[in-house]
Amino acid sequence: MKENLIQQKSYDFALKIIALYRNLVKTNEFVLSKQLLRSGTSIGANVSEAQAGQSRADFVSKISIASKEARETCYWLRLLRDSNTISKSEADLLLSEAESIVNILTSIVKTSTLKR
């Protein structure tokens, strides 16, 4: 079976978000960390749901949601970085991954929409 790049990237990214969440909770940061956990793990969940889309429109809808979740994750990471809750280097690494995921998802949406 052919490897699905976005599925693997979003899954690997979710694992990193879970690790960051666990570290943030250890420092008693509960609010922003929970938001980050929800959006960061939701990307892959929506990508997985899209794979079982009932139609092209359903697929595009789920991938679009994944893209929105990735953008939200970027917001939370910037907020955590700029509030000095996490280091700039850690945030920038994760932001780079999240932005890469956004770019891939945006490309998938555009391509899938054009094929209609």
PDB file of N, CA and C in Angstrom:
ATOM      1  N   MET A   1       0.837  -1.184   0.000  1.00  0.00           N
ATOM      2  CA  MET A   1       0.000   0.000   0.000  1.00  0.00           C
ATOM      3  C   MET A   1       0.883   1.249   0.000  1.00  0.00           C
ATOM      4  N   LYS A   2       0.532   2.213  -0.816  1.00  0.00           N
ATOM      5  CA  LYS A   2       1.294   3.441  -0.945  1.00  0.00           C
ATOM      6  C   LYS A   2       1.174   4.286   0.327  1.00  0.00           C
ATOM      7  N   GLU A   3       2.311   4.821   0.764  1.00  0.00           N
ATOM      8  CA  GLU A   3       2.319   5.668   1.956  1.00  0.00           C
ATOM      9  C   GLU A   3       1.605   6.983   1.655  1.00  0.00           C
ATOM     10  N   ASN A   4       0.777   7.425   2.587  1.00  0.00           N
ATOM     11  CA  ASN A   4       0.057   8.682   2.457  1.00  0.00           C
ATOM     12  C   ASN A   4       0.834   9.741   3.240  1.00  0.00           C
ATOM     13  N   LEU A   5       1.491  10.637   2.522  1.00  0.00           N
ATOM     14  CA  LEU A   5       2.377  11.632   3.135  1.00  0.00           C
ATOM     15  C   LEU A   5       1.665  12.477   4.188  1.00  0.00           C
ATOM     16  N   ILE A   6       0.522  13.042   3.850  1.00  0.00           N
ATOM     17  CA  ILE A   6      -0.153  13.946   4.789  1.00  0.00           C
ATOM     18  C   ILE A   6      -0.672  13.191   6.004  1.00  0.00           C
ATOM     19  N   GLN A   7      -1.097  11.962   5.792  1.00  0.00           N
ATOM     20  CA  GLN A   7      -1.572  11.165   6.923  1.00  0.00           C
ATOM     21  C   GLN A   7      -0.414  10.904   7.894  1.00  0.00           C
ATOM     22  N   GLN A   8       0.750  10.541   7.356  1.00  0.00           N
ATOM     23  CA  GLN A   8       1.915  10.260   8.207  1.00  0.00           C
ATOM     24  C   GLN A   8       2.429  11.532   8.879  1.00  0.00           C
ATOM     25  N   LYS A   9       2.520  12.629   8.113  1.00  0.00           N
ATOM     26  CA  LYS A   9       3.003  13.888   8.691  1.00  0.00           C
ATOM     27  C   LYS A   9       2.088  14.381   9.820  1.00  0.00           C
ATOM     28  N   SER A  10       0.790  14.295   9.601  1.00  0.00           N
ATOM     29  CA  SER A  10      -0.141  14.787  10.620  1.00  0.00           C
ATOM     30  C   SER A  10      -0.134  13.888  11.854  1.00  0.00           C
ATOM     31  N   TYR A  11       0.071  12.600  11.663  1.00  0.00           N
ATOM     32  CA  TYR A  11       0.158  11.662  12.790  1.00  0.00           C
ATOM     33  C   TYR A  11       1.431  11.936  13.603  1.00  0.00           C
ATOM     34  N   ASP A  12       2.554  12.044  12.921  1.00  0.00           N
ATOM     35  CA  ASP A  12       3.822  12.326  13.602  1.00  0.00           C
ATOM     36  C   ASP A  12       3.763  13.668  14.337  1.00  0.00           C
ATOM     37  N   PHE A  13       3.127  14.650  13.698  1.00  0.00           N
ATOM     38  CA  PHE A  13       2.974  15.959  14.315  1.00  0.00           C
ATOM     39  C   PHE A  13       2.122  15.857  15.587  1.00  0.00           C
ATOM     40  N   ALA A  14       1.051  15.082  15.529  1.00  0.00           N
ATOM     41  CA  ALA A  14       0.181  14.904  16.693  1.00  0.00           C
ATOM     42  C   ALA A  14       0.961  14.309  17.867  1.00  0.00           C
ATOM     43  N   LEU A  15       1.847  13.376  17.584  1.00  0.00           N
ATOM     44  CA  LEU A  15       2.663  12.790  18.660  1.00  0.00           C
ATOM     45  C   LEU A  15       3.545  13.844  19.323  1.00  0.00           C
ATOM     46  N   LYS A  16       4.095  14.761  18.528  1.00  0.00           N
ATOM     47  CA  LYS A  16       4.921  15.838  19.091  1.00  0.00           C
ATOM     48  C   LYS A  16       4.067  16.801  19.915  1.00  0.00           C
ATOM     49  N   ILE A  17       2.851  17.055  19.455  1.00  0.00           N
ATOM     50  CA  ILE A  17       1.940  17.932  20.200  1.00  0.00           C
ATOM     51  C   ILE A  17       1.568  17.296  21.536  1.00  0.00           C
ATOM     52  N   ILE A  18       1.333  15.995  21.540  1.00  0.00           N
ATOM     53  CA  ILE A  18       1.016  15.287  22.789  1.00  0.00           C
ATOM     54  C   ILE A  18       2.181  15.396  23.763  1.00  0.00           C
ATOM     55  N   ALA A  19       3.400  15.224  23.276  1.00  0.00           N
ATOM     56  CA  ALA A  19       4.587  15.342  24.136  1.00  0.00           C
ATOM     57  C   ALA A  19       4.699  16.753  24.709  1.00  0.00           C
ATOM     58  N   LEU A  20       4.468  17.767  23.873  1.00  0.00           N
ATOM     59  CA  LEU A  20       4.518  19.153  24.353  1.00  0.00           C
ATOM     60  C   LEU A  20       3.423  19.391  25.386  1.00  0.00           C
ATOM     61  N   TYR A  21       2.237  18.887  25.117  1.00  0.00           N
ATOM     62  CA  TYR A  21       1.124  19.029  26.061  1.00  0.00           C
ATOM     63  C   TYR A  21       1.502  18.456  27.426  1.00  0.00           C
ATOM     64  N   ARG A  22       2.067  17.272  27.428  1.00  0.00           N
ATOM     65  CA  ARG A  22       2.467  16.633  28.697  1.00  0.00           C
ATOM     66  C   ARG A  22       3.477  17.487  29.461  1.00  0.00           C
ATOM     67  N   ASN A  23       4.417  18.089  28.728  1.00  0.00           N
ATOM     68  CA  ASN A  23       5.398  18.961  29.384  1.00  0.00           C
ATOM     69  C   ASN A  23       4.755  20.230  29.921  1.00  0.00           C
ATOM     70  N   LEU A  24       3.814  20.781  29.176  1.00  0.00           N
ATOM     71  CA  LEU A  24       3.139  21.998  29.630  1.00  0.00           C
ATOM     72  C   LEU A  24       2.300  21.743  30.880  1.00  0.00           C
ATOM     73  N   VAL A  25       1.649  20.609  30.931  1.00  0.00           N
ATOM     74  CA  VAL A  25       0.833  20.276  32.099  1.00  0.00           C
ATOM     75  C   VAL A  25       1.721  20.134  33.341  1.00  0.00           C
ATOM     76  N   LYS A  26       2.925  19.616  33.152  1.00  0.00           N
ATOM     77  CA  LYS A  26       3.866  19.487  34.280  1.00  0.00           C
ATOM     78  C   LYS A  26       4.226  20.843  34.869  1.00  0.00           C
ATOM     79  N   THR A  27       4.130  21.903  34.051  1.00  0.00           N
ATOM     80  CA  THR A  27       4.433  23.245  34.535  1.00  0.00           C
ATOM     81  C   THR A  27       3.157  24.009  34.912  1.00  0.00           C
ATOM     82  N   ASN A  28       2.069  23.261  35.052  1.00  0.00           N
ATOM     83  CA  ASN A  28       0.764  23.813  35.445  1.00  0.00           C
ATOM     84  C   ASN A  28       0.156  24.757  34.409  1.00  0.00           C
ATOM     85  N   GLU A  29       0.454  24.520  33.142  1.00  0.00           N
ATOM     86  CA  GLU A  29      -0.186  25.287  32.076  1.00  0.00           C
ATOM     87  C   GLU A  29      -1.277  24.386  31.496  1.00  0.00           C
ATOM     88  N   PHE A  30      -2.522  24.721  31.819  1.00  0.00           N
ATOM     89  CA  PHE A  30      -3.623  23.841  31.462  1.00  0.00           C
ATOM     90  C   PHE A  30      -4.515  24.383  30.347  1.00  0.00           C
ATOM     91  N   VAL A  31      -4.691  25.673  30.266  1.00  0.00           N
ATOM     92  CA  VAL A  31      -5.665  26.236  29.331  1.00  0.00           C
ATOM     93  C   VAL A  31      -5.147  26.226  27.888  1.00  0.00           C
ATOM     94  N   LEU A  32      -4.036  26.907  27.649  1.00  0.00           N
ATOM     95  CA  LEU A  32      -3.490  26.963  26.293  1.00  0.00           C
ATOM     96  C   LEU A  32      -3.043  25.586  25.810  1.00  0.00           C
ATOM     97  N   SER A  33      -2.505  24.795  26.739  1.00  0.00           N
ATOM     98  CA  SER A  33      -2.027  23.462  26.355  1.00  0.00           C
ATOM     99  C   SER A  33      -3.174  22.576  25.881  1.00  0.00           C
ATOM    100  N   LYS A  34      -4.324  22.704  26.511  1.00  0.00           N
ATOM    101  CA  LYS A  34      -5.481  21.902  26.105  1.00  0.00           C
ATOM    102  C   LYS A  34      -5.981  22.326  24.724  1.00  0.00           C
ATOM    103  N   GLN A  35      -5.980  23.623  24.461  1.00  0.00           N
ATOM    104  CA  GLN A  35      -6.377  24.126  23.140  1.00  0.00           C
ATOM    105  C   GLN A  35      -5.421  23.594  22.061  1.00  0.00           C
ATOM    106  N   LEU A  36      -4.131  23.640  22.372  1.00  0.00           N
ATOM    107  CA  LEU A  36      -3.123  23.148  21.446  1.00  0.00           C
ATOM    108  C   LEU A  36      -3.304  21.650  21.202  1.00  0.00           C
ATOM    109  N   LEU A  37      -3.545  20.902  22.264  1.00  0.00           N
ATOM    110  CA  LEU A  37      -3.746  19.458  22.138  1.00  0.00           C
ATOM    111  C   LEU A  37      -4.933  19.147  21.232  1.00  0.00           C
ATOM    112  N   ARG A  38      -6.015  19.857  21.438  1.00  0.00           N
ATOM    113  CA  ARG A  38      -7.226  19.608  20.643  1.00  0.00           C
ATOM    114  C   ARG A  38      -7.005  19.907  19.166  1.00  0.00           C
ATOM    115  N   SER A  39      -6.465  21.082  18.866  1.00  0.00           N
ATOM    116  CA  SER A  39      -6.288  21.438  17.452  1.00  0.00           C
ATOM    117  C   SER A  39      -5.171  20.626  16.803  1.00  0.00           C
ATOM    118  N   GLY A  40      -4.090  20.408  17.529  1.00  0.00           N
ATOM    119  CA  GLY A  40      -2.936  19.705  16.961  1.00  0.00           C
ATOM    120  C   GLY A  40      -3.188  18.238  16.658  1.00  0.00           C
ATOM    121  N   THR A  41      -4.038  17.600  17.445  1.00  0.00           N
ATOM    122  CA  THR A  41      -4.361  16.193  17.184  1.00  0.00           C
ATOM    123  C   THR A  41      -5.556  16.060  16.243  1.00  0.00           C
ATOM    124  N   SER A  42      -6.343  17.095  16.135  1.00  0.00           N
ATOM    125  CA  SER A  42      -7.512  17.072  15.261  1.00  0.00           C
ATOM    126  C   SER A  42      -7.126  17.064  13.783  1.00  0.00           C
ATOM    127  N   ILE A  43      -5.959  17.585  13.465  1.00  0.00           N
ATOM    128  CA  ILE A  43      -5.514  17.628  12.070  1.00  0.00           C
ATOM    129  C   ILE A  43      -5.516  16.214  11.488  1.00  0.00           C
ATOM    130  N   GLY A  44      -4.804  15.328  12.140  1.00  0.00           N
ATOM    131  CA  GLY A  44      -4.700  13.952  11.662  1.00  0.00           C
ATOM    132  C   GLY A  44      -6.017  13.209  11.699  1.00  0.00           C
ATOM    133  N   ALA A  45      -6.830  13.494  12.692  1.00  0.00           N
ATOM    134  CA  ALA A  45      -8.140  12.837  12.781  1.00  0.00           C
ATOM    135  C   ALA A  45      -8.998  13.203  11.575  1.00  0.00           C
ATOM    136  N   ASN A  46      -8.962  14.465  11.189  1.00  0.00           N
ATOM    137  CA  ASN A  46      -9.748  14.897  10.026  1.00  0.00           C
ATOM    138  C   ASN A  46      -9.164  14.375   8.717  1.00  0.00           C
ATOM    139  N   VAL A  47      -7.859  14.266   8.639  1.00  0.00           N
ATOM    140  CA  VAL A  47      -7.231  13.680   7.454  1.00  0.00           C
ATOM    141  C   VAL A  47      -7.668  12.219   7.330  1.00  0.00           C
ATOM    142  N   SER A  48      -7.671  11.504   8.450  1.00  0.00           N
ATOM    143  CA  SER A  48      -8.108  10.100   8.434  1.00  0.00           C
ATOM    144  C   SER A  48      -9.570   9.981   8.032  1.00  0.00           C
ATOM    145  N   GLU A  49     -10.407  10.861   8.560  1.00  0.00           N
ATOM    146  CA  GLU A  49     -11.822  10.853   8.173  1.00  0.00           C
ATOM    147  C   GLU A  49     -11.990  11.134   6.684  1.00  0.00           C
ATOM    148  N   ALA A  50     -11.181  12.024   6.159  1.00  0.00           N
ATOM    149  CA  ALA A  50     -11.277  12.377   4.734  1.00  0.00           C
ATOM    150  C   ALA A  50     -10.998  11.164   3.852  1.00  0.00           C
ATOM    151  N   GLN A  51     -10.110  10.292   4.303  1.00  0.00           N
ATOM    152  CA  GLN A  51      -9.776   9.109   3.516  1.00  0.00           C
ATOM    153  C   GLN A  51     -10.999   8.225   3.281  1.00  0.00           C
ATOM    154  N   ALA A  52     -11.965   8.318   4.184  1.00  0.00           N
ATOM    155  CA  ALA A  52     -13.187   7.521   4.053  1.00  0.00           C
ATOM    156  C   ALA A  52     -14.363   8.382   3.576  1.00  0.00           C
ATOM    157  N   GLY A  53     -14.051   9.502   2.961  1.00  0.00           N
ATOM    158  CA  GLY A  53     -15.101  10.409   2.487  1.00  0.00           C
ATOM    159  C   GLY A  53     -16.075   9.705   1.552  1.00  0.00           C
ATOM    160  N   GLN A  54     -17.338  10.041   1.687  1.00  0.00           N
ATOM    161  CA  GLN A  54     -18.383   9.411   0.878  1.00  0.00           C
ATOM    162  C   GLN A  54     -18.450   9.993  -0.528  1.00  0.00           C
ATOM    163  N   SER A  55     -17.856  11.146  -0.706  1.00  0.00           N
ATOM    164  CA  SER A  55     -17.849  11.804  -2.007  1.00  0.00           C
ATOM    165  C   SER A  55     -16.652  12.745  -2.050  1.00  0.00           C
ATOM    166  N   ARG A  56     -16.387  13.284  -3.225  1.00  0.00           N
ATOM    167  CA  ARG A  56     -15.292  14.257  -3.343  1.00  0.00           C
ATOM    168  C   ARG A  56     -15.572  15.477  -2.459  1.00  0.00           C
ATOM    169  N   ALA A  57     -16.834  15.915  -2.431  1.00  0.00           N
ATOM    170  CA  ALA A  57     -17.205  17.069  -1.602  1.00  0.00           C
ATOM    171  C   ALA A  57     -16.963  16.772  -0.117  1.00  0.00           C
ATOM    172  N   ASP A  58     -17.289  15.564   0.322  1.00  0.00           N
ATOM    173  CA  ASP A  58     -17.060  15.161   1.709  1.00  0.00           C
ATOM    174  C   ASP A  58     -15.554  15.144   2.005  1.00  0.00           C
ATOM    175  N   PHE A  59     -14.777  14.605   1.069  1.00  0.00           N
ATOM    176  CA  PHE A  59     -13.320  14.583   1.199  1.00  0.00           C
ATOM    177  C   PHE A  59     -12.765  15.997   1.345  1.00  0.00           C
ATOM    178  N   VAL A  60     -13.184  16.882   0.448  1.00  0.00           N
ATOM    179  CA  VAL A  60     -12.704  18.272   0.469  1.00  0.00           C
ATOM    180  C   VAL A  60     -13.104  18.957   1.773  1.00  0.00           C
ATOM    181  N   SER A  61     -14.303  18.690   2.232  1.00  0.00           N
ATOM    182  CA  SER A  61     -14.775  19.290   3.477  1.00  0.00           C
ATOM    183  C   SER A  61     -13.894  18.884   4.659  1.00  0.00           C
ATOM    184  N   LYS A  62     -13.592  17.602   4.759  1.00  0.00           N
ATOM    185  CA  LYS A  62     -12.769  17.104   5.873  1.00  0.00           C
ATOM    186  C   LYS A  62     -11.327  17.613   5.781  1.00  0.00           C
ATOM    187  N   ILE A  63     -10.787  17.640   4.579  1.00  0.00           N
ATOM    188  CA  ILE A  63      -9.422  18.150   4.403  1.00  0.00           C
ATOM    189  C   ILE A  63      -9.383  19.645   4.726  1.00  0.00           C
ATOM    190  N   SER A  64     -10.442  20.366   4.375  1.00  0.00           N
ATOM    191  CA  SER A  64     -10.517  21.800   4.692  1.00  0.00           C
ATOM    192  C   SER A  64     -10.560  22.021   6.204  1.00  0.00           C
ATOM    193  N   ILE A  65     -11.283  21.164   6.900  1.00  0.00           N
ATOM    194  CA  ILE A  65     -11.324  21.257   8.365  1.00  0.00           C
ATOM    195  C   ILE A  65      -9.938  20.991   8.932  1.00  0.00           C
ATOM    196  N   ALA A  66      -9.247  19.991   8.392  1.00  0.00           N
ATOM    197  CA  ALA A  66      -7.886  19.689   8.847  1.00  0.00           C
ATOM    198  C   ALA A  66      -6.977  20.906   8.648  1.00  0.00           C
ATOM    199  N   SER A  67      -7.140  21.582   7.510  1.00  0.00           N
ATOM    200  CA  SER A  67      -6.348  22.772   7.232  1.00  0.00           C
ATOM    201  C   SER A  67      -6.630  23.880   8.249  1.00  0.00           C
ATOM    202  N   LYS A  68      -7.896  24.068   8.569  1.00  0.00           N
ATOM    203  CA  LYS A  68      -8.268  25.081   9.568  1.00  0.00           C
ATOM    204  C   LYS A  68      -7.688  24.737  10.936  1.00  0.00           C
ATOM    205  N   GLU A  69      -7.718  23.459  11.292  1.00  0.00           N
ATOM    206  CA  GLU A  69      -7.147  23.030  12.576  1.00  0.00           C
ATOM    207  C   GLU A  69      -5.637  23.265  12.600  1.00  0.00           C
ATOM    208  N   ALA A  70      -4.977  23.035  11.479  1.00  0.00           N
ATOM    209  CA  ALA A  70      -3.529  23.274  11.401  1.00  0.00           C
ATOM    210  C   ALA A  70      -3.226  24.759  11.578  1.00  0.00           C
ATOM    211  N   ARG A  71      -4.049  25.601  10.971  1.00  0.00           N
ATOM    212  CA  ARG A  71      -3.863  27.052  11.131  1.00  0.00           C
ATOM    213  C   ARG A  71      -4.105  27.475  12.580  1.00  0.00           C
ATOM    214  N   GLU A  72      -5.115  26.880  13.215  1.00  0.00           N
ATOM    215  CA  GLU A  72      -5.379  27.186  14.625  1.00  0.00           C
ATOM    216  C   GLU A  72      -4.199  26.742  15.489  1.00  0.00           C
ATOM    217  N   THR A  73      -3.639  25.609  15.164  1.00  0.00           N
ATOM    218  CA  THR A  73      -2.485  25.112  15.910  1.00  0.00           C
ATOM    219  C   THR A  73      -1.324  26.097  15.808  1.00  0.00           C
ATOM    220  N   CYS A  74      -1.124  26.663  14.627  1.00  0.00           N
ATOM    221  CA  CYS A  74      -0.082  27.688  14.461  1.00  0.00           C
ATOM    222  C   CYS A  74      -0.335  28.869  15.396  1.00  0.00           C
ATOM    223  N   TYR A  75      -1.585  29.255  15.509  1.00  0.00           N
ATOM    224  CA  TYR A  75      -1.947  30.364  16.413  1.00  0.00           C
ATOM    225  C   TYR A  75      -1.538  30.042  17.861  1.00  0.00           C
ATOM    226  N   TRP A  76      -1.917  28.857  18.343  1.00  0.00           N
ATOM    227  CA  TRP A  76      -1.604  28.493  19.726  1.00  0.00           C
ATOM    228  C   TRP A  76      -0.095  28.399  19.944  1.00  0.00           C
ATOM    229  N   LEU A  77       0.617  27.878  18.962  1.00  0.00           N
ATOM    230  CA  LEU A  77       2.075  27.785  19.092  1.00  0.00           C
ATOM    231  C   LEU A  77       2.715  29.165  19.149  1.00  0.00           C
ATOM    232  N   ARG A  78       2.238  30.094  18.308  1.00  0.00           N
ATOM    233  CA  ARG A  78       2.766  31.469  18.360  1.00  0.00           C
ATOM    234  C   ARG A  78       2.460  32.115  19.709  1.00  0.00           C
ATOM    235  N   LEU A  79       1.265  31.874  20.214  1.00  0.00           N
ATOM    236  CA  LEU A  79       0.880  32.446  21.502  1.00  0.00           C
ATOM    237  C   LEU A  79       1.747  31.886  22.632  1.00  0.00           C
ATOM    238  N   LEU A  80       1.982  30.583  22.608  1.00  0.00           N
ATOM    239  CA  LEU A  80       2.841  29.964  23.629  1.00  0.00           C
ATOM    240  C   LEU A  80       4.273  30.480  23.531  1.00  0.00           C
ATOM    241  N   ARG A  81       4.747  30.674  22.307  1.00  0.00           N
ATOM    242  CA  ARG A  81       6.101  31.205  22.091  1.00  0.00           C
ATOM    243  C   ARG A  81       6.206  32.650  22.560  1.00  0.00           C
ATOM    244  N   ASP A  82       5.264  33.475  22.122  1.00  0.00           N
ATOM    245  CA  ASP A  82       5.355  34.907  22.401  1.00  0.00           C
ATOM    246  C   ASP A  82       5.044  35.259  23.853  1.00  0.00           C
ATOM    247  N   SER A  83       4.414  34.344  24.572  1.00  0.00           N
ATOM    248  CA  SER A  83       4.181  34.547  26.006  1.00  0.00           C
ATOM    249  C   SER A  83       5.305  33.915  26.831  1.00  0.00           C
ATOM    250  N   ASN A  84       6.333  33.429  26.135  1.00  0.00           N
ATOM    251  CA  ASN A  84       7.493  32.785  26.764  1.00  0.00           C
ATOM    252  C   ASN A  84       7.119  31.544  27.581  1.00  0.00           C
ATOM    253  N   THR A  85       6.042  30.890  27.176  1.00  0.00           N
ATOM    254  CA  THR A  85       5.630  29.661  27.846  1.00  0.00           C
ATOM    255  C   THR A  85       6.454  28.486  27.334  1.00  0.00           C
ATOM    256  N   ILE A  86       6.804  28.518  26.052  1.00  0.00           N
ATOM    257  CA  ILE A  86       7.739  27.543  25.493  1.00  0.00           C
ATOM    258  C   ILE A  86       8.848  28.310  24.787  1.00  0.00           C
ATOM    259  N   SER A  87       9.961  27.645  24.592  1.00  0.00           N
ATOM    260  CA  SER A  87      11.112  28.319  23.981  1.00  0.00           C
ATOM    261  C   SER A  87      10.830  28.665  22.522  1.00  0.00           C
ATOM    262  N   LYS A  88      11.496  29.700  22.068  1.00  0.00           N
ATOM    263  CA  LYS A  88      11.358  30.122  20.678  1.00  0.00           C
ATOM    264  C   LYS A  88      11.779  28.995  19.737  1.00  0.00           C
ATOM    265  N   SER A  89      12.858  28.311  20.066  1.00  0.00           N
ATOM    266  CA  SER A  89      13.352  27.257  19.179  1.00  0.00           C
ATOM    267  C   SER A  89      12.368  26.094  19.090  1.00  0.00           C
ATOM    268  N   GLU A  90      11.787  25.695  20.212  1.00  0.00           N
ATOM    269  CA  GLU A  90      10.809  24.609  20.199  1.00  0.00           C
ATOM    270  C   GLU A  90       9.566  25.013  19.413  1.00  0.00           C
ATOM    271  N   ALA A  91       9.094  26.223  19.651  1.00  0.00           N
ATOM    272  CA  ALA A  91       7.904  26.708  18.952  1.00  0.00           C
ATOM    273  C   ALA A  91       8.164  26.819  17.453  1.00  0.00           C
ATOM    274  N   ASP A  92       9.302  27.362  17.086  1.00  0.00           N
ATOM    275  CA  ASP A  92       9.604  27.567  15.669  1.00  0.00           C
ATOM    276  C   ASP A  92       9.719  26.248  14.913  1.00  0.00           C
ATOM    277  N   LEU A  93      10.267  25.233  15.568  1.00  0.00           N
ATOM    278  CA  LEU A  93      10.338  23.905  14.935  1.00  0.00           C
ATOM    279  C   LEU A  93       8.940  23.364  14.655  1.00  0.00           C
ATOM    280  N   LEU A  94       8.079  23.444  15.661  1.00  0.00           N
ATOM    281  CA  LEU A  94       6.713  22.950  15.505  1.00  0.00           C
ATOM    282  C   LEU A  94       5.915  23.816  14.532  1.00  0.00           C
ATOM    283  N   LEU A  95       6.149  25.118  14.574  1.00  0.00           N
ATOM    284  CA  LEU A  95       5.469  26.015  13.627  1.00  0.00           C
ATOM    285  C   LEU A  95       5.852  25.692  12.184  1.00  0.00           C
ATOM    286  N   SER A  96       7.113  25.397  11.979  1.00  0.00           N
ATOM    287  CA  SER A  96       7.569  25.043  10.638  1.00  0.00           C
ATOM    288  C   SER A  96       6.851  23.782  10.147  1.00  0.00           C
ATOM    289  N   GLU A  97       6.725  22.794  11.007  1.00  0.00           N
ATOM    290  CA  GLU A  97       6.002  21.567  10.642  1.00  0.00           C
ATOM    291  C   GLU A  97       4.528  21.851  10.376  1.00  0.00           C
ATOM    292  N   ALA A  98       3.930  22.645  11.248  1.00  0.00           N
ATOM    293  CA  ALA A  98       2.506  22.959  11.093  1.00  0.00           C
ATOM    294  C   ALA A  98       2.260  23.731   9.801  1.00  0.00           C
ATOM    295  N   GLU A  99       3.131  24.662   9.482  1.00  0.00           N
ATOM    296  CA  GLU A  99       2.977  25.439   8.250  1.00  0.00           C
ATOM    297  C   GLU A  99       3.169  24.558   7.017  1.00  0.00           C
ATOM    298  N   SER A 100       4.055  23.585   7.108  1.00  0.00           N
ATOM    299  CA  SER A 100       4.234  22.626   6.021  1.00  0.00           C
ATOM    300  C   SER A 100       2.953  21.817   5.815  1.00  0.00           C
ATOM    301  N   ILE A 101       2.344  21.412   6.912  1.00  0.00           N
ATOM    302  CA  ILE A 101       1.083  20.669   6.846  1.00  0.00           C
ATOM    303  C   ILE A 101      -0.014  21.537   6.231  1.00  0.00           C
ATOM    304  N   VAL A 102      -0.085  22.800   6.635  1.00  0.00           N
ATOM    305  CA  VAL A 102      -1.066  23.731   6.057  1.00  0.00           C
ATOM    306  C   VAL A 102      -0.874  23.824   4.551  1.00  0.00           C
ATOM    307  N   ASN A 103       0.372  23.950   4.112  1.00  0.00           N
ATOM    308  CA  ASN A 103       0.651  24.067   2.678  1.00  0.00           C
ATOM    309  C   ASN A 103       0.223  22.818   1.909  1.00  0.00           C
ATOM    310  N   ILE A 104       0.493  21.654   2.465  1.00  0.00           N
ATOM    311  CA  ILE A 104       0.097  20.408   1.808  1.00  0.00           C
ATOM    312  C   ILE A 104      -1.420  20.312   1.742  1.00  0.00           C
ATOM    313  N   LEU A 105      -2.080  20.598   2.856  1.00  0.00           N
ATOM    314  CA  LEU A 105      -3.549  20.507   2.893  1.00  0.00           C
ATOM    315  C   LEU A 105      -4.194  21.507   1.937  1.00  0.00           C
ATOM    316  N   THR A 106      -3.644  22.707   1.865  1.00  0.00           N
ATOM    317  CA  THR A 106      -4.159  23.723   0.946  1.00  0.00           C
ATOM    318  C   THR A 106      -4.024  23.250  -0.497  1.00  0.00           C
ATOM    319  N   SER A 107      -2.893  22.643  -0.798  1.00  0.00           N
ATOM    320  CA  SER A 107      -2.670  22.109  -2.143  1.00  0.00           C
ATOM    321  C   SER A 107      -3.662  20.991  -2.460  1.00  0.00           C
ATOM    322  N   ILE A 108      -3.918  20.122  -1.486  1.00  0.00           N
ATOM    323  CA  ILE A 108      -4.878  19.031  -1.685  1.00  0.00           C
ATOM    324  C   ILE A 108      -6.261  19.588  -1.953  1.00  0.00           C
ATOM    325  N   VAL A 109      -6.672  20.592  -1.184  1.00  0.00           N
ATOM    326  CA  VAL A 109      -7.991  21.201  -1.375  1.00  0.00           C
ATOM    327  C   VAL A 109      -8.085  21.811  -2.770  1.00  0.00           C
ATOM    328  N   LYS A 110      -7.070  22.574  -3.163  1.00  0.00           N
ATOM    329  CA  LYS A 110      -7.087  23.213  -4.488  1.00  0.00           C
ATOM    330  C   LYS A 110      -7.150  22.180  -5.600  1.00  0.00           C
ATOM    331  N   THR A 111      -6.321  21.158  -5.517  1.00  0.00           N
ATOM    332  CA  THR A 111      -6.310  20.113  -6.536  1.00  0.00           C
ATOM    333  C   THR A 111      -7.637  19.367  -6.596  1.00  0.00           C
ATOM    334  N   SER A 112      -8.173  19.034  -5.433  1.00  0.00           N
ATOM    335  CA  SER A 112      -9.425  18.277  -5.384  1.00  0.00           C
ATOM    336  C   SER A 112     -10.592  19.118  -5.877  1.00  0.00           C
ATOM    337  N   THR A 113     -10.546  20.401  -5.637  1.00  0.00           N
ATOM    338  CA  THR A 113     -11.613  21.298  -6.071  1.00  0.00           C
ATOM    339  C   THR A 113     -11.572  21.474  -7.588  1.00  0.00           C
ATOM    340  N   LEU A 114     -10.368  21.541  -8.150  1.00  0.00           N
ATOM    341  CA  LEU A 114     -10.211  21.713  -9.591  1.00  0.00           C
ATOM    342  C   LEU A 114     -10.672  20.484 -10.362  1.00  0.00           C
ATOM    343  N   LYS A 115     -10.583  19.318  -9.745  1.00  0.00           N
ATOM    344  CA  LYS A 115     -10.957  18.070 -10.409  1.00  0.00           C
ATOM    345  C   LYS A 115     -12.459  17.894 -10.538  1.00  0.00           C
ATOM    346  N   ARG A 116     -13.234  18.751  -9.916  1.00  0.00           N
ATOM    347  CA  ARG A 116     -14.703  18.639  -9.959  1.00  0.00           C
ATOM    348  C   ARG A 116     -15.140  18.793 -11.334  1.00  0.00           C
TER     349      ARG A 116
END
